[in-house]
Amino acid sequence: MRDNRHEVIVVGSGAGGAMAAYTLTKSGHKVLMLEAGRDYDPKTETPMFKRNGDAPLMGAATSDKHFGFYDATVDGGWQVPDEPYSVAEGDDFYWWRARMLGGRTNHWGRFSLRFSEHDFKGKSRDGLGADWPFDYAELAPWYDKTEELVGVCGTNTGLDDMPPSAEGVLQPPPQPRVPELLIAAAAKKQGIPMVPMHRAVLTRPKDDRAACFWATPCGHGCSIGAAFQSTTSLLPMAKATGNLQIITQAMVKSVDTDDQGKVIGVTYIDKASGHTHNLKAKVIILAASACESARILLNSKSEHFPDGLANSSGQVGKNLMDSTGAHLGAIIPALKGRPRYNEDGHTSNHLFIPWWGHAAQAKGELDFPRGYHFEIGCGFREPGAGVSGSLQGYGKAVKQQVWDNYGAYVGFSLRGEMLPNPDSYMEIDESVRDKWGIPVSKFHFKWSEHELKQIEHGLKTAKALLETMGADVGELPSAEQAISKGGSIIHEVGTTRMGSSAESSVTNQWGQTWDCENLFVMDGGVFASNPHKNCTLTIMTLAMRNASWLSAQLKGGVI
């Protein structure tokens, strides 16, 4: 696997890396993939049918398993052994790393919302942040191709925040649950739409992947391939071409250049043996995640690139953005004590509330830019270690309260857009190194007034919806108290952003770095903005589009 017959090296096996590898191998290119985590086989390792009652602490989250005992992430988390990172004094930032084949695609929420024309040209509207170097119309056909390949369920809603898919691309969505219909009725009274969530879960069989049968949490992983992850789709399909080889436990230390400053390959360390390896290839694609790819570039210093590779703009590591997050929920009286039945579905919200405020913002009626959406938590779920509601008394009376409250809780989880700011970025901490001697990332992070005003509006909206359903919500927390810690939504992007100018961005619209024609970035680092929608669908769409362009360049002898 180290005989240099590969044309392209891809670093990372998650959404961007897997899609790039799939696209290139299907076009006939020899690709070598390097993954810093261990190998992972979801068909044999996924605990699909395990129950909370069989797990320690009823499956509750712990310091070792942050999203519950059965979460699909095997060796990763907020802290990874032997791989520290640092945070500037007075700041909060949490960096999630999956460290397994398939990366975060093994455990992500699978919400698959297209960015809209509003999202790509935000600066043109309000003067904030940066525009993308293309508009929605240019990406729309690639969204169709990606949704068709991945398998996304949902409907065309006609809303300006949800651009339509081509006819026949989307699979049918699951039916709404009773609590979701109640929420939709409350939202309608407030003039707020509630529509089917678009989610990368098959409701119809596709290739050798089965349709979801509504039985186990997607967060456990999906051995039948119904819930999208690159380990059951893109990677097997790429390997089937005979053009993909994968090396796991490969910690990339640097992208290497020759005496003229041309990119020639990478250096990685075998985490199991500690041995260093040098590989050469015609093209290098970084798709290790936004902050990991930026770390590799900043650590790839040379005489030609003293401030880090591809960093003539000084923008590598800058423009760090995460989604905003906040939560508000309550017990709904009308849902208490209702008859028990199965409300599993595809185990996430079947309906959600997209952003409805573009017109109000255009009229200057809101005191914050950009938007947010609400993801919904409700319905009968497998019991865990916690109970809903404020319990009073003891004995039989308390037990009856628990029974009555089961399935009666409704929670609104806000996810919103963050604008880039000069206080949110990452750099290299030369005083701290990982087990293999590689300098680690140091994070600086602050929310701005834009995000705090957004959270304040979202909390008031959620309270109004809950009270419309008869809930007793009480006093709201302040935005500063309610807003999530930086990085905790795991949507960090922007650290190698694309643009139309080499002076203000790291890559062009194809993910090709301005400084090195044969070095590409194909993860969330290239995002020019961070709309309120989950970033994975757009990462995959850009990777498909940009890898297709790269293939044409290679075949034409341009690169």
Protein backbone atom coordinates (compact mmCIF):
# COMPACT_ATOMS: atom_id res chain seq x y z
CA MET A 1 0.00 0.00 0.00
CA ARG A 2 3.02 2.27 0.15
CA ASP A 3 4.34 1.71 -3.38
CA ASN A 4 3.43 5.18 -4.69
CA ARG A 5 1.11 3.91 -7.42
CA HIS A 6 -1.68 6.14 -6.12
CA GLU A 7 -2.48 9.35 -7.96
CA VAL A 8 -4.33 11.07 -5.10
CA ILE A 9 -3.94 10.90 -1.32
CA VAL A 10 -7.07 11.71 0.68
CA VAL A 11 -6.64 12.52 4.37
CA GLY A 12 -9.81 11.63 6.28
CA SER A 13 -12.61 9.13 5.70
CA GLY A 14 -15.69 11.07 6.81
CA ALA A 15 -18.21 13.00 4.72
CA GLY A 16 -15.77 14.96 2.56
CA GLY A 17 -12.98 12.41 2.32
CA ALA A 18 -15.25 9.49 1.53
CA MET A 19 -17.19 11.43 -1.11
CA ALA A 20 -13.97 12.66 -2.72
CA ALA A 21 -12.57 9.12 -2.77
CA TYR A 22 -15.83 7.70 -4.17
CA THR A 23 -16.01 10.32 -6.94
CA LEU A 24 -12.36 9.95 -7.95
CA THR A 25 -12.25 6.15 -7.87
CA LYS A 26 -15.45 5.92 -9.92
CA SER A 27 -13.68 8.11 -12.48
CA GLY A 28 -10.75 5.71 -12.61
CA HIS A 29 -8.21 7.42 -10.36
CA LYS A 30 -6.05 5.47 -7.92
CA VAL A 31 -6.63 6.84 -4.42
CA LEU A 32 -4.93 6.17 -1.10
CA MET A 33 -6.90 7.20 1.99
CA LEU A 34 -5.27 7.92 5.34
CA GLU A 35 -7.44 7.75 8.47
CA ALA A 36 -6.11 8.78 11.89
CA GLY A 37 -8.54 6.49 13.71
CA ARG A 38 -8.93 2.75 13.79
CA ASP A 39 -10.72 0.50 11.35
CA TYR A 40 -14.46 0.08 11.94
CA ASP A 41 -16.94 -2.41 10.52
CA PRO A 42 -20.52 -1.31 11.24
CA LYS A 43 -21.94 -4.63 10.07
CA THR A 44 -20.28 -6.47 12.97
CA GLU A 45 -19.65 -3.75 15.57
CA THR A 46 -22.90 -1.79 15.62
CA PRO A 47 -25.02 -2.41 18.77
CA MET A 48 -28.28 -1.84 16.90
CA PHE A 49 -30.58 -3.91 19.10
CA LYS A 50 -28.99 -3.25 22.49
CA ARG A 51 -31.34 -1.79 25.10
CA ASN A 52 -30.64 0.84 27.72
CA GLY A 53 -31.75 -1.56 30.42
CA ASP A 54 -28.84 -3.86 29.56
CA ALA A 55 -26.22 -1.09 29.85
CA PRO A 56 -24.51 0.52 32.84
CA LEU A 57 -26.46 3.52 34.17
CA MET A 58 -29.33 2.69 31.79
CA GLY A 59 -27.14 3.71 28.85
CA ALA A 60 -26.52 7.24 30.15
CA ALA A 61 -23.67 9.38 28.87
CA THR A 62 -20.33 9.17 30.66
CA SER A 63 -16.91 10.78 30.29
CA ASP A 64 -15.93 7.86 28.04
CA LYS A 65 -19.14 7.75 25.97
CA HIS A 66 -20.43 11.27 25.67
CA PHE A 67 -23.58 10.43 23.69
CA GLY A 68 -24.51 7.34 25.62
CA PHE A 69 -23.18 3.86 26.21
CA TYR A 70 -24.13 2.56 22.76
CA ASP A 71 -23.05 5.57 20.70
CA ALA A 72 -21.38 4.54 17.43
CA THR A 73 -18.21 6.52 18.14
CA VAL A 74 -15.70 3.94 19.33
CA ASP A 75 -12.50 5.71 20.37
CA GLY A 76 -13.29 9.39 19.86
CA GLY A 77 -14.95 12.14 21.85
CA TRP A 78 -14.34 15.54 23.37
CA GLN A 79 -11.05 14.27 24.73
CA VAL A 80 -8.95 11.71 22.85
CA PRO A 81 -6.18 9.87 24.72
CA ASP A 82 -2.68 11.00 23.70
CA GLU A 83 -4.14 13.80 21.53
CA PRO A 84 -4.64 16.93 23.66
CA TYR A 85 -5.57 20.41 22.51
CA SER A 86 -5.49 23.71 24.38
CA VAL A 87 -7.91 26.61 24.83
CA ALA A 88 -7.04 30.24 25.44
CA GLU A 89 -7.51 31.48 29.00
CA GLY A 90 -11.05 32.69 29.60
CA ASP A 91 -12.44 30.99 26.48
CA ASP A 92 -14.53 27.83 26.07
CA PHE A 93 -14.23 25.51 23.10
CA TYR A 94 -14.86 21.80 22.80
CA TRP A 95 -13.30 19.88 19.92
CA TRP A 96 -14.96 16.61 18.97
CA ARG A 97 -12.89 14.04 17.06
CA ALA A 98 -14.30 10.71 15.91
CA ARG A 99 -10.99 8.86 15.35
CA MET A 100 -12.51 5.92 13.46
CA LEU A 101 -13.02 4.89 9.86
CA GLY A 102 -15.98 6.87 8.56
CA GLY A 103 -15.40 9.72 10.98
CA ARG A 104 -18.43 11.57 12.25
CA THR A 105 -20.71 10.02 9.64
CA ASN A 106 -21.06 7.05 11.99
CA HIS A 107 -22.91 9.03 14.65
CA TRP A 108 -24.13 12.35 13.16
CA GLY A 109 -27.75 13.50 13.38
CA ARG A 110 -28.21 12.90 9.63
CA PHE A 111 -30.21 16.10 9.18
CA SER A 112 -29.71 16.96 5.52
CA LEU A 113 -30.88 20.50 4.79
CA ARG A 114 -29.73 22.32 1.68
CA PHE A 115 -28.20 25.76 2.03
CA SER A 116 -30.35 28.31 0.17
CA GLU A 117 -29.67 31.36 -1.97
CA HIS A 118 -29.87 33.40 1.26
CA ASP A 119 -27.12 31.28 2.82
CA PHE A 120 -24.57 31.62 0.01
CA LYS A 121 -24.84 35.40 -0.35
CA GLY A 122 -25.37 36.63 3.20
CA LYS A 123 -22.80 39.43 3.01
CA SER A 124 -24.50 40.85 -0.08
CA ARG A 125 -27.67 41.18 2.01
CA ASP A 126 -26.44 42.45 5.36
CA GLY A 127 -22.75 43.31 4.86
CA LEU A 128 -21.54 40.75 7.42
CA GLY A 129 -19.14 37.83 7.07
CA ALA A 130 -18.25 36.66 3.56
CA ASP A 131 -20.10 35.55 0.45
CA TRP A 132 -19.42 32.18 -1.13
CA PRO A 133 -17.66 32.35 -4.54
CA PHE A 134 -20.73 30.91 -6.30
CA ASP A 135 -24.50 31.05 -5.88
CA TYR A 136 -27.11 28.44 -5.07
CA ALA A 137 -28.05 27.76 -8.69
CA GLU A 138 -24.54 26.49 -9.38
CA LEU A 139 -24.70 23.95 -6.55
CA ALA A 140 -28.34 22.87 -6.96
CA PRO A 141 -27.73 20.02 -9.47
CA TRP A 142 -24.94 18.70 -7.26
CA TYR A 143 -27.30 18.67 -4.28
CA ASP A 144 -29.62 16.53 -6.42
CA LYS A 145 -26.81 14.09 -7.24
CA THR A 146 -25.73 13.87 -3.60
CA GLU A 147 -29.24 13.38 -2.22
CA GLU A 148 -29.90 10.69 -4.81
CA LEU A 149 -26.67 8.84 -4.00
CA VAL A 150 -26.89 9.18 -0.21
CA GLY A 151 -30.64 8.63 0.10
CA VAL A 152 -32.53 11.49 1.78
CA CYS A 153 -36.15 11.39 2.89
CA GLY A 154 -38.33 14.49 2.97
CA THR A 155 -40.60 16.66 0.82
CA ASN A 156 -40.39 19.85 -1.21
CA THR A 157 -42.01 22.37 1.12
CA GLY A 158 -42.07 25.49 -1.04
CA LEU A 159 -40.42 27.49 1.75
CA ASP A 160 -37.64 29.95 0.89
CA ASP A 161 -35.38 28.38 3.52
CA MET A 162 -35.70 24.93 1.91
CA PRO A 163 -34.83 24.87 -1.81
CA PRO A 164 -36.60 22.09 -3.70
CA SER A 165 -34.99 18.88 -4.88
CA ALA A 166 -35.52 17.63 -8.41
CA GLU A 167 -38.54 15.41 -9.04
CA GLY A 168 -38.04 11.90 -7.69
CA VAL A 169 -34.85 12.62 -5.74
CA LEU A 170 -36.27 12.64 -2.20
CA GLN A 171 -37.58 9.47 -0.62
CA PRO A 172 -40.93 9.64 1.22
CA PRO A 173 -40.76 11.00 4.78
CA PRO A 174 -42.14 9.04 7.74
CA GLN A 175 -45.51 10.02 9.16
CA PRO A 176 -45.58 12.68 11.90
CA ARG A 177 -46.08 11.55 15.47
CA VAL A 178 -49.01 12.77 17.56
CA PRO A 179 -46.92 15.23 19.64
CA GLU A 180 -45.42 16.65 16.45
CA LEU A 181 -48.89 17.31 15.07
CA LEU A 182 -49.78 19.11 18.31
CA ILE A 183 -46.62 21.25 18.00
CA ALA A 184 -47.44 21.97 14.35
CA ALA A 185 -50.89 23.22 15.36
CA ALA A 186 -49.35 25.50 17.99
CA ALA A 187 -46.78 26.78 15.49
CA LYS A 188 -49.53 27.52 12.95
CA LYS A 189 -51.26 29.72 15.53
CA GLN A 190 -48.00 31.67 15.82
CA GLY A 191 -47.63 31.95 12.04
CA ILE A 192 -44.65 29.60 12.00
CA PRO A 193 -44.32 26.68 9.55
CA MET A 194 -43.51 23.13 10.63
CA VAL A 195 -42.57 20.64 7.94
CA PRO A 196 -40.96 17.20 7.41
CA MET A 197 -37.28 17.10 8.31
CA HIS A 198 -34.96 16.08 5.49
CA ARG A 199 -32.85 13.26 6.82
CA ALA A 200 -30.28 10.86 5.38
CA VAL A 201 -32.31 7.79 6.31
CA LEU A 202 -33.68 5.42 3.68
CA THR A 203 -37.43 4.86 3.68
CA ARG A 204 -37.07 2.75 0.52
CA PRO A 205 -34.32 0.18 -0.20
CA LYS A 206 -31.38 1.50 -2.24
CA ASP A 207 -28.57 -0.53 -3.90
CA ASP A 208 -27.57 -3.03 -1.21
CA ARG A 209 -28.83 -0.86 1.66
CA ALA A 210 -32.12 -1.73 3.35
CA ALA A 211 -34.93 0.64 4.26
CA CYS A 212 -35.27 1.74 7.87
CA PHE A 213 -37.60 -0.46 9.91
CA TRP A 214 -38.05 2.03 12.77
CA ALA A 215 -36.52 -0.13 15.47
CA THR A 216 -33.18 1.12 16.82
CA PRO A 217 -31.59 4.53 17.48
CA CYS A 218 -29.56 5.87 14.56
CA GLY A 219 -26.90 7.04 17.02
CA HIS A 220 -25.93 3.42 17.61
CA GLY A 221 -24.85 3.19 13.97
CA CYS A 222 -26.71 1.27 11.29
CA SER A 223 -25.47 -2.12 10.14
CA ILE A 224 -28.11 -2.37 7.39
CA GLY A 225 -27.12 0.94 5.79
CA ALA A 226 -30.50 2.64 6.16
CA ALA A 227 -29.05 5.52 8.15
CA PHE A 228 -26.29 7.02 6.05
CA GLN A 229 -22.68 6.61 7.09
CA SER A 230 -19.70 6.42 4.77
CA THR A 231 -18.71 3.00 6.15
CA THR A 232 -21.84 1.34 4.70
CA SER A 233 -22.00 3.24 1.42
CA LEU A 234 -19.34 5.51 -0.05
CA LEU A 235 -16.29 3.61 1.19
CA PRO A 236 -17.50 0.12 0.18
CA MET A 237 -18.61 1.48 -3.19
CA ALA A 238 -15.21 3.13 -3.72
CA LYS A 239 -13.36 -0.02 -2.71
CA ALA A 240 -15.46 -2.04 -5.14
CA THR A 241 -13.86 -0.13 -8.01
CA GLY A 242 -10.48 -1.61 -7.10
CA ASN A 243 -9.03 1.91 -7.03
CA LEU A 244 -9.13 2.66 -3.29
CA GLN A 245 -6.68 1.60 -0.62
CA ILE A 246 -7.09 2.64 3.03
CA ILE A 247 -4.53 2.92 5.82
CA THR A 248 -6.00 3.40 9.30
CA GLN A 249 -4.18 4.56 12.46
CA ALA A 250 -2.29 6.99 10.20
CA MET A 251 -1.72 10.33 11.93
CA VAL A 252 -0.74 12.85 9.26
CA LYS A 253 2.00 15.12 10.51
CA SER A 254 2.49 17.38 7.49
CA VAL A 255 1.93 17.97 3.82
CA ASP A 256 5.37 17.97 2.21
CA THR A 257 6.84 20.25 -0.46
CA ASP A 258 9.99 20.17 -2.60
CA ASP A 259 12.71 22.81 -2.87
CA GLN A 260 10.52 24.88 -5.18
CA GLY A 261 7.59 24.80 -2.76
CA LYS A 262 5.51 22.35 -4.81
CA VAL A 263 3.39 19.88 -2.85
CA ILE A 264 4.76 16.36 -3.34
CA GLY A 265 3.19 14.20 -0.63
CA VAL A 266 2.54 13.73 3.08
CA THR A 267 4.30 12.48 6.17
CA TYR A 268 2.33 10.36 8.60
CA ILE A 269 3.01 8.41 11.76
CA ASP A 270 1.71 4.89 12.25
CA LYS A 271 0.02 5.28 15.65
CA ALA A 272 0.44 1.59 16.48
CA SER A 273 4.20 1.33 15.79
CA GLY A 274 5.26 4.96 16.06
CA HIS A 275 7.08 4.67 12.73
CA THR A 276 7.16 7.64 10.34
CA HIS A 277 6.25 7.17 6.67
CA ASN A 278 6.58 9.48 3.68
CA LEU A 279 4.18 9.10 0.78
CA LYS A 280 4.17 10.86 -2.57
CA ALA A 281 1.24 11.61 -4.86
CA LYS A 282 0.27 13.95 -7.66
CA VAL A 283 -2.57 15.50 -5.60
CA ILE A 284 -3.24 15.80 -1.86
CA ILE A 285 -6.78 16.28 -0.53
CA LEU A 286 -7.23 17.29 3.10
CA ALA A 287 -10.62 16.23 4.49
CA ALA A 288 -9.66 15.51 8.08
CA SER A 289 -12.28 17.94 9.52
CA ALA A 290 -12.05 21.72 9.53
CA CYS A 291 -9.75 22.11 12.51
CA GLU A 292 -7.62 19.02 11.85
CA SER A 293 -6.95 20.03 8.24
CA ALA A 294 -6.04 23.53 9.40
CA ARG A 295 -3.71 22.06 12.02
CA ILE A 296 -1.94 20.01 9.36
CA LEU A 297 -1.49 23.09 7.16
CA LEU A 298 -0.20 25.26 10.01
CA ASN A 299 2.25 22.53 11.01
CA SER A 300 3.48 22.17 7.41
CA LYS A 301 6.01 24.97 7.56
CA SER A 302 8.93 25.34 5.18
CA GLU A 303 11.22 27.97 3.73
CA HIS A 304 8.58 28.76 1.13
CA PHE A 305 5.71 28.68 3.66
CA PRO A 306 7.06 29.97 7.00
CA ASP A 307 3.55 30.66 8.35
CA GLY A 308 2.14 27.31 7.32
CA LEU A 309 1.26 25.76 3.98
CA ALA A 310 -1.27 27.55 1.76
CA ASN A 311 -1.39 30.41 4.26
CA SER A 312 -0.21 33.42 2.26
CA SER A 313 -3.56 35.05 3.10
CA GLY A 314 -3.05 34.48 6.82
CA GLN A 315 -6.55 32.96 6.90
CA VAL A 316 -5.70 29.35 7.82
CA GLY A 317 -7.22 28.78 11.25
CA LYS A 318 -9.20 32.03 11.16
CA ASN A 319 -12.99 32.42 10.73
CA LEU A 320 -13.76 29.54 13.11
CA MET A 321 -17.53 29.08 13.39
CA ASP A 322 -19.83 26.60 15.12
CA SER A 323 -23.62 26.49 15.11
CA THR A 324 -25.35 28.19 17.99
CA GLY A 325 -27.34 25.96 20.29
CA ALA A 326 -29.93 26.35 23.04
CA HIS A 327 -32.72 24.23 24.48
CA LEU A 328 -36.08 24.85 26.07
CA GLY A 329 -38.71 22.27 26.93
CA ALA A 330 -41.63 21.48 29.20
CA ILE A 331 -44.30 18.93 30.06
CA ILE A 332 -47.41 19.40 27.90
CA PRO A 333 -50.61 18.76 29.90
CA ALA A 334 -52.55 17.44 26.90
CA LEU A 335 -49.96 14.70 26.40
CA LYS A 336 -49.94 13.42 29.97
CA GLY A 337 -51.16 9.91 30.64
CA ARG A 338 -51.95 9.08 27.02
CA PRO A 339 -52.09 5.44 25.86
CA ARG A 340 -48.75 3.81 25.13
CA TYR A 341 -47.81 2.85 21.58
CA ASN A 342 -44.68 2.79 19.39
CA GLU A 343 -43.46 6.26 18.37
CA ASP A 344 -39.90 5.27 17.43
CA GLY A 345 -39.98 6.17 13.73
CA HIS A 346 -36.49 6.91 12.48
CA THR A 347 -35.71 7.92 16.10
CA SER A 348 -35.28 11.63 15.40
CA ASN A 349 -37.81 14.38 14.74
CA HIS A 350 -40.07 13.67 11.76
CA LEU A 351 -41.16 17.33 11.68
CA PHE A 352 -39.10 20.44 12.45
CA ILE A 353 -39.39 24.22 12.28
CA PRO A 354 -37.20 25.80 9.56
CA TRP A 355 -36.22 29.47 9.62
CA TRP A 356 -39.20 31.62 8.75
CA GLY A 357 -37.77 35.11 9.24
CA HIS A 358 -36.09 36.14 5.97
CA ALA A 359 -38.87 38.59 5.08
CA ALA A 360 -38.88 40.11 8.56
CA GLN A 361 -35.10 40.58 8.42
CA ALA A 362 -35.35 42.22 5.00
CA LYS A 363 -37.82 44.71 6.51
CA GLY A 364 -35.51 45.40 9.47
CA GLU A 365 -37.99 43.96 11.96
CA LEU A 366 -35.46 41.72 13.77
CA ASP A 367 -32.44 42.84 15.77
CA PHE A 368 -30.13 40.03 14.62
CA PRO A 369 -28.92 38.78 11.22
CA ARG A 370 -29.21 35.31 9.71
CA GLY A 371 -31.43 32.54 11.06
CA TYR A 372 -32.03 29.45 13.15
CA HIS A 373 -34.27 26.40 13.20
CA PHE A 374 -35.85 24.21 15.86
CA GLU A 375 -35.27 20.49 16.10
CA ILE A 376 -37.96 18.76 18.14
CA GLY A 377 -37.63 16.23 20.92
CA CYS A 378 -40.88 14.50 21.90
CA GLY A 379 -42.80 11.26 21.99
CA PHE A 380 -42.43 7.87 23.62
CA ARG A 381 -38.77 6.93 23.76
CA GLU A 382 -36.89 4.06 25.33
CA PRO A 383 -36.59 4.93 29.03
CA GLY A 384 -33.18 5.94 30.31
CA ALA A 385 -31.73 6.99 33.64
CA GLY A 386 -33.67 10.26 33.84
CA VAL A 387 -37.34 11.15 34.20
CA SER A 388 -39.33 14.16 32.98
CA GLY A 389 -41.10 16.73 35.08
CA SER A 390 -40.77 18.20 38.54
CA LEU A 391 -41.73 15.32 40.83
CA GLN A 392 -43.37 15.84 44.20
CA GLY A 393 -44.04 13.42 47.08
CA TYR A 394 -42.98 9.81 47.32
CA GLY A 395 -44.13 6.23 46.80
CA LYS A 396 -47.11 5.43 44.61
CA ALA A 397 -47.89 9.12 43.97
CA VAL A 398 -44.42 9.78 42.53
CA LYS A 399 -44.56 6.65 40.42
CA GLN A 400 -47.89 7.78 38.96
CA GLN A 401 -46.38 11.16 38.08
CA VAL A 402 -43.56 9.42 36.22
CA TRP A 403 -46.07 7.29 34.29
CA ASP A 404 -48.20 10.34 33.45
CA ASN A 405 -45.19 12.38 32.32
CA TYR A 406 -43.79 9.64 30.10
CA GLY A 407 -44.08 10.83 26.49
CA ALA A 408 -45.49 14.21 27.58
CA TYR A 409 -42.26 16.23 27.34
CA VAL A 410 -41.63 18.50 24.34
CA GLY A 411 -38.22 20.06 23.81
CA PHE A 412 -37.08 22.67 21.29
CA SER A 413 -33.40 22.53 20.36
CA LEU A 414 -32.29 25.68 18.56
CA ARG A 415 -29.56 25.52 15.93
CA GLY A 416 -28.51 28.85 14.45
CA GLU A 417 -25.98 30.60 12.28
CA MET A 418 -22.81 32.06 13.71
CA LEU A 419 -21.00 34.87 11.95
CA PRO A 420 -17.18 34.85 11.87
CA ASN A 421 -15.50 37.21 14.32
CA PRO A 422 -11.85 38.10 15.05
CA ASP A 423 -12.00 36.49 18.51
CA SER A 424 -12.81 33.00 17.19
CA TYR A 425 -9.92 31.16 15.57
CA MET A 426 -7.37 28.40 16.07
CA GLU A 427 -3.59 28.41 16.01
CA ILE A 428 -0.74 26.06 16.85
CA ASP A 429 0.32 25.69 20.49
CA GLU A 430 4.05 25.09 20.16
CA SER A 431 4.35 24.37 23.89
CA VAL A 432 2.02 21.34 23.78
CA ARG A 433 2.53 18.25 21.64
CA ASP A 434 0.65 15.02 21.19
CA LYS A 435 2.07 11.56 21.82
CA TRP A 436 3.78 11.60 18.43
CA GLY A 437 5.47 14.96 18.91
CA ILE A 438 3.09 16.96 16.70
CA PRO A 439 2.20 20.47 17.98
CA VAL A 440 -1.48 20.67 18.93
CA SER A 441 -4.27 23.11 18.17
CA LYS A 442 -5.06 26.01 20.46
CA PHE A 443 -8.56 27.49 20.28
CA HIS A 444 -9.89 30.98 20.85
CA PHE A 445 -13.66 31.37 20.84
CA LYS A 446 -16.31 33.93 21.68
CA TRP A 447 -19.93 34.43 20.69
CA SER A 448 -20.89 37.92 19.48
CA GLU A 449 -23.96 40.03 20.12
CA HIS A 450 -25.40 38.72 16.85
CA GLU A 451 -25.60 35.19 18.25
CA LEU A 452 -26.82 36.29 21.69
CA LYS A 453 -29.68 38.29 20.17
CA GLN A 454 -30.57 35.29 18.04
CA ILE A 455 -30.71 33.02 21.11
CA GLU A 456 -32.85 35.55 22.97
CA HIS A 457 -35.35 35.58 20.10
CA GLY A 458 -35.32 31.77 19.89
CA LEU A 459 -36.00 31.30 23.59
CA LYS A 460 -38.95 33.68 23.46
CA THR A 461 -40.32 31.87 20.42
CA ALA A 462 -39.95 28.44 22.03
CA LYS A 463 -41.65 29.69 25.19
CA ALA A 464 -44.57 31.06 23.16
CA LEU A 465 -44.99 27.71 21.41
CA LEU A 466 -44.85 25.74 24.65
CA GLU A 467 -47.34 28.06 26.35
CA THR A 468 -49.67 27.80 23.36
CA MET A 469 -49.74 24.07 24.12
CA GLY A 470 -50.62 24.79 27.76
CA ALA A 471 -47.18 24.31 29.32
CA ASP A 472 -45.91 26.18 32.35
CA VAL A 473 -42.48 27.41 31.22
CA GLY A 474 -41.50 29.93 33.85
CA GLU A 475 -38.77 32.57 33.60
CA LEU A 476 -36.37 32.26 30.71
CA PRO A 477 -32.60 32.06 31.21
CA SER A 478 -30.47 34.81 29.73
CA ALA A 479 -28.96 34.25 26.30
CA GLU A 480 -25.52 34.12 27.89
CA GLN A 481 -26.69 31.32 30.18
CA ALA A 482 -28.57 29.39 27.50
CA ILE A 483 -26.16 29.47 24.57
CA SER A 484 -24.07 26.36 23.95
CA LYS A 485 -20.33 26.27 24.48
CA GLY A 486 -18.28 26.77 21.34
CA GLY A 487 -17.74 23.51 19.47
CA SER A 488 -20.36 21.58 21.42
CA ILE A 489 -22.77 21.39 18.45
CA ILE A 490 -19.89 19.80 16.46
CA HIS A 491 -20.45 21.97 13.38
CA GLU A 492 -17.09 23.74 13.37
CA VAL A 493 -16.25 25.14 9.92
CA GLY A 494 -14.51 28.03 8.15
CA THR A 495 -10.86 27.58 9.09
CA THR A 496 -9.69 27.23 5.45
CA ARG A 497 -12.47 29.17 3.82
CA MET A 498 -13.00 29.44 0.07
CA GLY A 499 -13.41 32.73 -1.74
CA SER A 500 -12.81 34.68 -4.92
CA SER A 501 -9.56 36.31 -3.80
CA ALA A 502 -6.21 34.83 -2.74
CA GLU A 503 -5.78 37.75 -0.35
CA SER A 504 -8.85 36.93 1.77
CA SER A 505 -9.33 33.17 1.44
CA VAL A 506 -7.41 29.90 1.46
CA THR A 507 -9.02 28.07 -1.48
CA ASN A 508 -10.92 28.92 -4.64
CA GLN A 509 -14.44 27.67 -5.30
CA TRP A 510 -13.11 24.18 -6.16
CA GLY A 511 -11.37 23.73 -2.81
CA GLN A 512 -8.03 24.18 -4.59
CA THR A 513 -5.61 26.18 -2.45
CA TRP A 514 -4.52 29.43 -4.02
CA ASP A 515 -0.87 28.79 -3.13
CA CYS A 516 -0.56 25.15 -4.25
CA GLU A 517 -2.41 23.97 -7.35
CA ASN A 518 -2.23 20.28 -6.39
CA LEU A 519 -3.42 20.73 -2.78
CA PHE A 520 -7.16 20.68 -2.06
CA VAL A 521 -9.37 20.98 1.03
CA MET A 522 -12.69 19.13 0.92
CA ASP A 523 -14.15 19.35 4.42
CA GLY A 524 -16.10 22.00 6.34
CA GLY A 525 -13.03 24.18 6.59
CA VAL A 526 -13.84 25.66 3.17
CA PHE A 527 -17.21 27.07 4.28
CA ALA A 528 -17.43 30.83 3.77
CA SER A 529 -20.33 31.00 6.21
CA ASN A 530 -22.02 28.63 8.63
CA PRO A 531 -25.78 28.62 7.96
CA HIS A 532 -28.05 27.23 10.66
CA LYS A 533 -28.31 23.87 8.85
CA ASN A 534 -26.28 20.77 9.55
CA CYS A 535 -23.14 21.05 7.40
CA THR A 536 -22.68 17.40 6.31
CA LEU A 537 -24.90 17.40 3.21
CA THR A 538 -23.10 20.47 1.88
CA ILE A 539 -19.67 19.01 2.71
CA MET A 540 -20.53 15.93 0.64
CA THR A 541 -22.07 17.98 -2.17
CA LEU A 542 -19.02 20.23 -2.45
CA ALA A 543 -16.70 17.22 -2.32
CA MET A 544 -18.58 15.50 -5.16
CA ARG A 545 -18.59 18.68 -7.26
CA ASN A 546 -14.98 19.61 -6.57
CA ALA A 547 -13.60 16.09 -6.94
CA SER A 548 -15.39 15.86 -10.30
CA TRP A 549 -13.68 19.09 -11.35
CA LEU A 550 -10.35 17.76 -10.09
CA SER A 551 -10.82 14.56 -12.09
CA ALA A 552 -11.32 16.59 -15.26
CA GLN A 553 -8.17 18.59 -14.50
CA LEU A 554 -6.16 15.41 -13.99
CA LYS A 555 -7.46 13.74 -17.14
CA GLY A 556 -6.81 16.92 -19.12
CA GLY A 557 -3.23 17.13 -17.87
CA VAL A 558 -3.83 20.53 -16.26
CA ILE A 559 -2.67 19.26 -12.85
